[in-house]
Amino acid sequence: MRNYLIIGGSSGIGEAITQQLNAEGHRVYATYCKHLQQDRENISYHRMDVMEDTLDLSFLPETIDGFVYCVGNILLKPFHRIGVDDFQKDYQLQVLGAVKILQQLLPNLKNAVQPAVVMFSTVAVQTGFTFHSLVSASKGAIEGLTRALAAEWTPKIRVNCIAPSITNTPLASSLLNTPEKIEATAQRHPMKKIGAPEDLAAMACFLLSDSAQWMTGQVLHVDGGMSSIR
């Protein structure tokens, strides 16, 4: 049994990762901000708002084998309608939240035998989409952070990133709230379907596992072919 910390582990992709790791027999510490879940065997939920200056990780054991940062936000607007404060808030949520936790968590990760970190980007970083300047700016920073930490922490700690296309989660519900929107979005993907949380969870759990022990500094696209097929 290994110990994993999942930030944003009560909903969407984070919840799917939490459930899969638990099904594999591991101990999961999952955080939530809005979506409260009930503790169950080998899963405990802890409230955390990554926008706060001080984050309490005292509930964690001394050894953490893997960490996943699943906090996200989707605000799609024309660039001229996005304020500087919007960029600052999104960067604080998507990037600085991960930074604050990783700096505190580093000793716990170093105590593990083969620790791994998984973060999330978006297909929009490498494939330009209209109205995606806000999320692309923040997630672009996550991709840079992934590669920098992979270089700095090798060979002890592996750091990888997943870049999905739109996934059917509560976070994306406003974009997928009718059958027509779902079908239109699916048709824009080469595989003609929308990703499920379990698709991303499978990749995250692989990257956390020993099966990926020779992988670090990678940004892996799980996006229905959106980034590479035309």
Protein backbone atom coordinates (compact mmCIF):
# COMPACT_ATOMS: atom_id res chain seq x y z
CA MET A 1 0.00 0.00 0.00
CA ARG A 2 1.27 3.44 -0.96
CA ASN A 3 0.23 6.91 0.19
CA TYR A 4 -1.08 9.41 -2.34
CA LEU A 5 -2.18 13.04 -2.06
CA ILE A 6 -4.76 14.21 -4.61
CA ILE A 7 -5.54 17.93 -4.59
CA GLY A 8 -9.05 18.33 -5.97
CA GLY A 9 -9.79 14.67 -5.37
CA SER A 10 -13.51 14.93 -4.67
CA SER A 11 -14.84 15.71 -8.14
CA GLY A 12 -14.24 15.04 -11.82
CA ILE A 13 -10.84 13.73 -12.85
CA GLY A 14 -9.48 13.99 -9.30
CA GLU A 15 -12.31 11.85 -7.97
CA ALA A 16 -11.71 9.24 -10.68
CA ILE A 17 -8.01 9.10 -9.77
CA THR A 18 -8.88 8.79 -6.08
CA GLN A 19 -11.24 5.90 -6.77
CA GLN A 20 -8.81 4.06 -9.06
CA LEU A 21 -5.90 4.35 -6.62
CA ASN A 22 -8.15 3.13 -3.82
CA ALA A 23 -9.30 0.19 -5.96
CA GLU A 24 -5.63 -0.70 -6.43
CA GLY A 25 -5.28 -0.95 -2.65
CA HIS A 26 -3.58 2.35 -1.86
CA ARG A 27 -4.19 4.95 0.85
CA VAL A 28 -5.48 8.22 -0.58
CA TYR A 29 -5.60 11.65 1.03
CA ALA A 30 -7.94 13.75 -1.12
CA THR A 31 -8.76 17.43 -0.74
CA TYR A 32 -11.92 19.30 -1.60
CA CYS A 33 -13.00 22.91 -1.68
CA LYS A 34 -16.69 22.75 -2.63
CA HIS A 35 -17.56 19.09 -3.26
CA LEU A 36 -17.56 17.45 0.17
CA GLN A 37 -17.30 13.67 0.16
CA GLN A 38 -17.60 11.16 2.99
CA ASP A 39 -14.50 9.33 4.18
CA ARG A 40 -14.35 5.65 3.31
CA GLU A 41 -11.90 2.82 3.79
CA ASN A 42 -8.40 4.08 2.94
CA ILE A 43 -9.74 7.42 1.61
CA SER A 44 -9.93 10.54 3.74
CA TYR A 45 -11.13 13.95 2.54
CA HIS A 46 -9.69 17.21 3.81
CA ARG A 47 -10.91 20.72 3.04
CA MET A 48 -8.37 22.93 1.32
CA ASP A 49 -8.58 26.21 -0.56
CA VAL A 50 -5.33 26.57 -2.50
CA MET A 51 -5.97 30.30 -2.84
CA GLU A 52 -5.22 30.76 0.86
CA ASP A 53 -1.74 31.95 1.83
CA THR A 54 -1.12 29.16 4.34
CA LEU A 55 -1.99 25.55 3.52
CA ASP A 56 -2.15 22.95 6.29
CA LEU A 57 -0.73 19.55 5.31
CA SER A 58 -0.40 18.26 8.86
CA PHE A 59 -2.91 15.48 8.13
CA LEU A 60 -0.35 13.72 5.91
CA PRO A 61 2.01 10.92 6.96
CA GLU A 62 5.77 11.43 6.75
CA THR A 63 5.97 9.49 3.48
CA ILE A 64 3.97 10.39 0.36
CA ASP A 65 4.56 8.18 -2.66
CA GLY A 66 2.69 10.28 -5.19
CA PHE A 67 1.05 13.66 -5.65
CA VAL A 68 -1.53 14.81 -8.20
CA TYR A 69 -2.65 18.42 -8.64
CA CYS A 70 -6.15 18.39 -10.16
CA VAL A 71 -7.34 21.90 -9.38
CA GLY A 72 -8.66 23.67 -12.46
CA ASN A 73 -10.78 26.45 -13.90
CA ILE A 74 -12.40 27.07 -17.27
CA LEU A 75 -13.07 30.69 -18.19
CA LEU A 76 -13.38 31.13 -21.95
CA LYS A 77 -13.66 34.75 -23.09
CA PRO A 78 -12.24 37.01 -25.78
CA PHE A 79 -8.86 38.34 -24.67
CA HIS A 80 -10.06 41.96 -24.50
CA ARG A 81 -12.76 40.98 -21.98
CA ILE A 82 -10.36 39.36 -19.50
CA GLY A 83 -8.96 41.61 -16.81
CA VAL A 84 -5.44 41.47 -15.43
CA ASP A 85 -6.93 40.41 -12.10
CA ASP A 86 -8.49 37.39 -13.86
CA PHE A 87 -5.06 36.32 -15.07
CA GLN A 88 -3.61 36.81 -11.60
CA LYS A 89 -6.35 34.77 -9.90
CA ASP A 90 -6.11 31.98 -12.44
CA TYR A 91 -2.31 31.82 -12.09
CA GLN A 92 -2.67 31.71 -8.32
CA LEU A 93 -5.14 28.85 -8.59
CA GLN A 94 -3.54 26.77 -11.32
CA VAL A 95 0.18 27.39 -10.69
CA LEU A 96 0.95 28.97 -7.32
CA GLY A 97 -1.33 26.50 -5.53
CA ALA A 98 0.77 23.66 -6.93
CA VAL A 99 3.98 25.49 -6.04
CA LYS A 100 2.96 26.06 -2.42
CA ILE A 101 2.00 22.45 -1.90
CA LEU A 102 5.04 21.00 -3.65
CA GLN A 103 7.40 23.10 -1.55
CA GLN A 104 5.79 21.81 1.65
CA LEU A 105 5.44 18.27 0.36
CA LEU A 106 9.01 17.81 -0.85
CA PRO A 107 10.33 16.20 2.38
CA ASN A 108 7.42 13.69 2.34
CA LEU A 109 8.15 12.80 -1.28
CA LYS A 110 11.84 12.37 -0.59
CA ASN A 111 10.97 9.81 2.09
CA ALA A 112 9.38 7.55 -0.54
CA VAL A 113 11.23 4.93 -2.58
CA GLN A 114 10.02 5.90 -6.06
CA PRO A 115 7.92 9.06 -5.66
CA ALA A 116 6.06 10.64 -8.57
CA VAL A 117 4.24 13.89 -9.28
CA VAL A 118 1.48 14.35 -11.87
CA MET A 119 0.09 17.72 -12.93
CA PHE A 120 -2.50 18.74 -15.49
CA SER A 121 -2.24 21.05 -18.48
CA THR A 122 -4.56 21.36 -21.50
CA VAL A 123 -4.38 20.63 -25.20
CA ALA A 124 -4.90 24.38 -25.72
CA VAL A 125 -1.31 25.15 -24.68
CA GLN A 126 0.25 23.47 -27.72
CA THR A 127 -2.75 23.91 -30.04
CA GLY A 128 -4.05 27.45 -30.14
CA PHE A 129 -7.79 27.89 -29.62
CA THR A 130 -9.78 31.11 -29.62
CA PHE A 131 -10.94 32.40 -26.20
CA HIS A 132 -8.36 30.21 -24.38
CA SER A 133 -5.76 32.86 -23.50
CA LEU A 134 -6.44 32.66 -19.75
CA VAL A 135 -6.21 28.89 -19.31
CA SER A 136 -3.40 28.57 -21.86
CA ALA A 137 -1.25 31.09 -20.00
CA SER A 138 -1.62 29.30 -16.66
CA LYS A 139 -1.33 25.78 -18.01
CA GLY A 140 1.64 26.80 -20.14
CA ALA A 141 3.34 27.70 -16.87
CA ILE A 142 2.44 24.26 -15.49
CA GLU A 143 4.14 22.59 -18.45
CA GLY A 144 7.26 24.68 -17.87
CA LEU A 145 7.18 23.88 -14.16
CA THR A 146 6.83 20.18 -14.94
CA ARG A 147 9.99 20.11 -17.04
CA ALA A 148 11.97 22.30 -14.65
CA LEU A 149 11.14 20.22 -11.57
CA ALA A 150 11.74 16.98 -13.48
CA ALA A 151 15.25 18.22 -14.25
CA GLU A 152 15.89 19.48 -10.73
CA TRP A 153 14.53 16.45 -8.88
CA THR A 154 15.82 13.64 -11.09
CA PRO A 155 16.59 10.83 -10.39
CA LYS A 156 14.76 10.78 -7.05
CA ILE A 157 11.35 12.23 -7.99
CA ARG A 158 9.62 11.82 -11.34
CA VAL A 159 7.44 14.71 -12.56
CA ASN A 160 5.06 14.40 -15.52
CA CYS A 161 2.05 16.24 -16.88
CA ILE A 162 -1.15 15.28 -18.70
CA ALA A 163 -2.70 17.59 -21.29
CA PRO A 164 -6.31 16.60 -21.96
CA SER A 165 -8.93 17.99 -24.26
CA ILE A 166 -12.38 18.73 -22.87
CA THR A 167 -13.53 16.03 -20.46
CA ASN A 168 -17.04 15.32 -19.24
CA THR A 169 -16.71 16.61 -15.69
CA PRO A 170 -18.63 19.07 -13.48
CA LEU A 171 -15.98 21.69 -14.31
CA ALA A 172 -16.94 21.53 -17.99
CA SER A 173 -20.69 21.22 -17.38
CA SER A 174 -21.54 24.65 -18.80
CA LEU A 175 -19.93 23.64 -22.09
CA LEU A 176 -21.60 20.22 -22.22
CA ASN A 177 -25.05 20.88 -20.77
CA THR A 178 -27.14 19.82 -23.77
CA PRO A 179 -27.03 16.80 -26.10
CA GLU A 180 -26.39 19.18 -28.99
CA LYS A 181 -23.33 20.72 -27.31
CA ILE A 182 -21.98 17.27 -26.43
CA GLU A 183 -22.38 16.02 -29.99
CA ALA A 184 -20.89 19.15 -31.56
CA THR A 185 -17.89 19.01 -29.22
CA ALA A 186 -17.40 15.30 -29.85
CA GLN A 187 -17.40 15.86 -33.62
CA ARG A 188 -14.53 18.36 -33.32
CA HIS A 189 -12.30 15.55 -32.06
CA PRO A 190 -10.74 13.05 -34.48
CA MET A 191 -12.03 10.19 -32.32
CA LYS A 192 -15.54 11.71 -32.39
CA LYS A 193 -16.10 11.49 -28.65
CA ILE A 194 -15.46 13.41 -25.46
CA GLY A 195 -13.05 12.22 -22.82
CA ALA A 196 -14.29 10.65 -19.59
CA PRO A 197 -12.67 11.21 -16.17
CA GLU A 198 -11.64 7.55 -16.17
CA ASP A 199 -9.58 8.11 -19.35
CA LEU A 200 -7.44 10.67 -17.56
CA ALA A 201 -7.38 8.71 -14.31
CA ALA A 202 -5.94 5.69 -16.12
CA MET A 203 -3.03 7.78 -17.45
CA ALA A 204 -2.43 9.49 -14.10
CA CYS A 205 -2.32 6.19 -12.23
CA PHE A 206 0.06 4.78 -14.83
CA LEU A 207 2.40 7.75 -14.37
CA LEU A 208 2.30 7.28 -10.60
CA SER A 209 3.11 3.58 -10.89
CA ASP A 210 6.39 1.73 -11.26
CA SER A 211 5.36 0.92 -14.83
CA ALA A 212 6.34 4.51 -15.70
CA GLN A 213 9.60 4.47 -13.73
CA TRP A 214 11.65 5.56 -16.80
CA MET A 215 9.41 8.53 -17.63
CA THR A 216 9.92 12.07 -16.35
CA GLY A 217 9.58 15.59 -17.72
CA GLN A 218 6.87 14.51 -20.17
CA VAL A 219 3.68 16.28 -21.23
CA LEU A 220 1.35 13.53 -22.43
CA HIS A 221 -1.66 14.35 -24.58
CA VAL A 222 -4.81 12.41 -23.78
CA ASP A 223 -7.09 14.37 -26.05
CA GLY A 224 -8.93 12.20 -28.58
CA GLY A 225 -6.32 13.06 -31.21
CA MET A 226 -7.02 16.78 -31.04
CA SER A 227 -3.37 17.82 -30.77
CA SER A 228 -1.94 15.71 -33.58
CA ILE A 229 -4.57 14.64 -36.12
CA ARG A 230 -6.23 16.86 -38.70
